[in-house]
Amino acid sequence: GIYNPSLLLMRVKSKSKLKTILLYFINIHV
């Protein structure tokens, strides 16, 4: 999927980094 970098950064800060990164890579591969 397409991610807004600033949104991604906000998500990394507000939620757990690993969870956000996992979701990010899952969206790329799917």
C-alpha atoms as a PDB file:
ATOM      1  CA  GLY A   1       0.000   0.000   0.000  1.00  0.00           C
ATOM      2  CA  ILE A   2       0.911   3.654  -0.261  1.00  0.00           C
ATOM      3  CA  TYR A   3       1.898   5.379   2.977  1.00  0.00           C
ATOM      4  CA  ASN A   4       2.189   9.034   3.885  1.00  0.00           C
ATOM      5  CA  PRO A   5       5.686   9.317   5.491  1.00  0.00           C
ATOM      6  CA  SER A   6       4.531  11.789   8.139  1.00  0.00           C
ATOM      7  CA  LEU A   7       1.559   9.585   9.005  1.00  0.00           C
ATOM      8  CA  LEU A   8       3.868   6.595   9.270  1.00  0.00           C
ATOM      9  CA  LEU A   9       6.203   8.511  11.585  1.00  0.00           C
ATOM     10  CA  MET A  10       3.273   9.523  13.780  1.00  0.00           C
ATOM     11  CA  ARG A  11       2.139   5.909  13.956  1.00  0.00           C
ATOM     12  CA  VAL A  12       5.637   4.743  14.881  1.00  0.00           C
ATOM     13  CA  LYS A  13       5.711   7.290  17.715  1.00  0.00           C
ATOM     14  CA  SER A  14       2.206   6.595  19.020  1.00  0.00           C
ATOM     15  CA  LYS A  15       2.207   2.797  18.652  1.00  0.00           C
ATOM     16  CA  SER A  16       4.842   0.109  18.945  1.00  0.00           C
ATOM     17  CA  LYS A  17       7.522   0.387  16.266  1.00  0.00           C
ATOM     18  CA  LEU A  18       7.580  -3.309  15.451  1.00  0.00           C
ATOM     19  CA  LYS A  19       3.815  -3.476  14.940  1.00  0.00           C
ATOM     20  CA  THR A  20       3.831  -0.486  12.589  1.00  0.00           C
ATOM     21  CA  ILE A  21       6.802  -1.810  10.623  1.00  0.00           C
ATOM     22  CA  LEU A  22       5.149  -5.224  10.332  1.00  0.00           C
ATOM     23  CA  LEU A  23       1.919  -3.682   9.042  1.00  0.00           C
ATOM     24  CA  TYR A  24       3.961  -1.544   6.636  1.00  0.00           C
ATOM     25  CA  PHE A  25       5.756  -4.536   5.127  1.00  0.00           C
ATOM     26  CA  ILE A  26       2.571  -6.606   4.997  1.00  0.00           C
ATOM     27  CA  ASN A  27       0.938  -3.813   2.963  1.00  0.00           C
ATOM     28  CA  ILE A  28       3.936  -3.686   0.600  1.00  0.00           C
ATOM     29  CA  HIS A  29       3.879  -7.437  -0.026  1.00  0.00           C
ATOM     30  CA  VAL A  30       0.093  -7.618  -0.335  1.00  0.00           C
END
